[in-house]
């Protein structure tokens, strides 16, 4: 038996590279979007009930900070999920699989997500 095997297999203590953090967060953002669909479908259903329902849905999104924050969070998650998904598709085609290129792509995804989140915040508020 080799003495160089890792002793501690606690995943919380490992330092994950940026590439793996973006990949894991891509999956988490997909779950957030899936759960957030409950909020969006409920709001959409309310808006389709008639003029009064549309007015109440519109008032909720214009006056309730929590609803605005949830909407912003869903748009930010969508921006990240889309950006990281495109990165994964490009890597599946065989481009950017080298470590340096993958790190640059992960940094680009994070930067693009920050820009998209700011734009979504400006649009909502």
Protein backbone atom coordinates (compact mmCIF):
# COMPACT_ATOMS: atom_id res chain seq x y z
CA UNK A 1 0.00 0.00 0.00
CA UNK A 2 1.16 3.49 -0.82
CA UNK A 3 1.60 5.95 2.04
CA UNK A 4 0.85 8.88 -0.28
CA UNK A 5 -2.89 8.27 -0.43
CA UNK A 6 -5.11 11.04 0.96
CA UNK A 7 -6.18 10.51 4.53
CA UNK A 8 -8.95 13.11 4.73
CA UNK A 9 -11.71 12.63 2.16
CA UNK A 10 -13.94 15.41 3.49
CA UNK A 11 -14.95 17.31 0.33
CA UNK A 12 -15.54 20.48 2.33
CA UNK A 13 -11.85 20.80 3.11
CA UNK A 14 -10.61 20.55 -0.49
CA UNK A 15 -9.78 23.74 -2.36
CA UNK A 16 -11.85 23.53 -5.52
CA UNK A 17 -10.52 25.23 -8.66
CA UNK A 18 -12.60 27.98 -10.26
CA UNK A 19 -13.59 25.67 -13.11
CA UNK A 20 -15.25 23.18 -10.77
CA UNK A 21 -16.97 25.93 -8.78
CA UNK A 22 -18.52 27.31 -11.97
CA UNK A 23 -19.62 23.81 -12.97
CA UNK A 24 -21.18 23.09 -9.58
CA UNK A 25 -22.84 26.51 -9.47
CA UNK A 26 -24.24 25.87 -12.95
CA UNK A 27 -26.12 22.87 -11.55
CA UNK A 28 -27.27 24.86 -8.50
CA UNK A 29 -28.57 27.69 -10.69
CA UNK A 30 -30.57 25.13 -12.67
CA UNK A 31 -32.25 23.95 -9.47
CA UNK A 32 -32.93 27.56 -8.44
CA UNK A 33 -34.55 28.22 -11.81
CA UNK A 34 -36.67 25.07 -11.53
CA UNK A 35 -37.91 26.02 -8.05
CA UNK A 36 -38.40 29.66 -9.14
CA UNK A 37 -40.80 28.53 -11.84
CA UNK A 38 -43.40 28.03 -9.09
CA UNK A 39 -43.28 31.77 -8.36
CA UNK A 40 -43.35 32.72 -12.04
CA UNK A 41 -46.18 30.35 -12.98
CA UNK A 42 -48.25 31.56 -10.04
CA UNK A 43 -47.67 35.16 -11.07
CA UNK A 44 -48.47 34.32 -14.70
CA UNK A 45 -51.68 32.55 -13.67
CA UNK A 46 -52.74 35.56 -11.62
CA UNK A 47 -52.07 37.91 -14.52
CA UNK A 48 -54.25 35.84 -16.87
CA UNK A 49 -57.34 35.94 -14.63
CA UNK A 50 -58.47 39.21 -16.16
CA UNK A 51 -57.79 42.90 -15.92
CA UNK A 52 -57.93 42.87 -12.12
CA UNK A 53 -55.56 39.91 -11.92
CA UNK A 54 -53.13 41.58 -14.29
CA UNK A 55 -53.26 44.78 -12.24
CA UNK A 56 -52.58 42.87 -9.02
CA UNK A 57 -49.63 41.00 -10.57
CA UNK A 58 -48.28 44.27 -11.92
CA UNK A 59 -48.71 45.97 -8.55
CA UNK A 60 -46.95 43.08 -6.83
CA UNK A 61 -43.92 43.41 -9.08
CA UNK A 62 -43.85 47.20 -8.82
CA UNK A 63 -44.45 47.66 -5.10
CA UNK A 64 -43.24 44.53 -3.27
CA UNK A 65 -39.48 44.52 -2.70
CA UNK A 66 -39.43 40.78 -1.96
CA UNK A 67 -41.11 39.98 -5.29
CA UNK A 68 -38.67 42.28 -7.08
CA UNK A 69 -35.73 40.64 -5.31
CA UNK A 70 -36.94 37.14 -6.21
CA UNK A 71 -37.41 38.23 -9.82
CA UNK A 72 -33.93 39.75 -9.87
CA UNK A 73 -32.49 36.57 -8.36
CA UNK A 74 -34.18 34.43 -10.99
CA UNK A 75 -32.93 36.67 -13.80
CA UNK A 76 -29.39 36.59 -12.36
CA UNK A 77 -29.56 32.79 -12.07
CA UNK A 78 -30.84 32.61 -15.64
CA UNK A 79 -27.97 34.79 -16.87
CA UNK A 80 -25.41 32.63 -15.08
CA UNK A 81 -27.02 29.35 -16.14
CA UNK A 82 -27.17 30.49 -19.76
CA UNK A 83 -23.57 31.74 -19.79
CA UNK A 84 -22.18 28.64 -18.11
CA UNK A 85 -24.30 26.42 -20.36
CA UNK A 86 -22.83 28.03 -23.46
CA UNK A 87 -19.36 27.51 -21.97
CA UNK A 88 -20.14 23.83 -21.40
CA UNK A 89 -21.45 23.45 -24.95
CA UNK A 90 -18.32 25.03 -26.40
CA UNK A 91 -16.15 22.74 -24.28
CA UNK A 92 -18.22 19.73 -25.43
CA UNK A 93 -17.24 20.66 -28.97
CA UNK A 94 -13.58 20.33 -27.95
CA UNK A 95 -12.67 24.00 -27.59
CA UNK A 96 -11.20 25.48 -24.42
CA UNK A 97 -10.49 22.18 -22.70
CA UNK A 98 -6.96 23.20 -21.72
CA UNK A 99 -6.55 24.35 -18.13
CA UNK A 100 -5.61 27.94 -18.98
CA UNK A 101 -8.43 28.36 -21.50
CA UNK A 102 -10.95 26.78 -19.10
CA UNK A 103 -9.91 29.19 -16.33
CA UNK A 104 -10.30 32.15 -18.68
CA UNK A 105 -13.73 30.90 -19.75
CA UNK A 106 -14.81 30.49 -16.11
CA UNK A 107 -13.67 34.04 -15.34
CA UNK A 108 -15.52 35.28 -18.42
CA UNK A 109 -18.72 33.53 -17.28
CA UNK A 110 -18.46 35.15 -13.85
CA UNK A 111 -17.80 38.59 -15.34
CA UNK A 112 -20.66 38.25 -17.80
CA UNK A 113 -22.96 37.13 -15.00
CA UNK A 114 -22.09 40.21 -12.92
CA UNK A 115 -22.86 42.45 -15.89
CA UNK A 116 -26.16 40.65 -16.61
CA UNK A 117 -27.15 40.78 -12.93
CA UNK A 118 -26.50 44.53 -12.82
CA UNK A 119 -28.51 45.04 -16.00
CA UNK A 120 -31.37 42.96 -14.57
CA UNK A 121 -31.29 45.05 -11.40
CA UNK A 122 -31.44 48.27 -13.41
CA UNK A 123 -34.35 46.87 -15.42
CA UNK A 124 -36.32 45.77 -12.33
CA UNK A 125 -35.62 48.74 -10.09
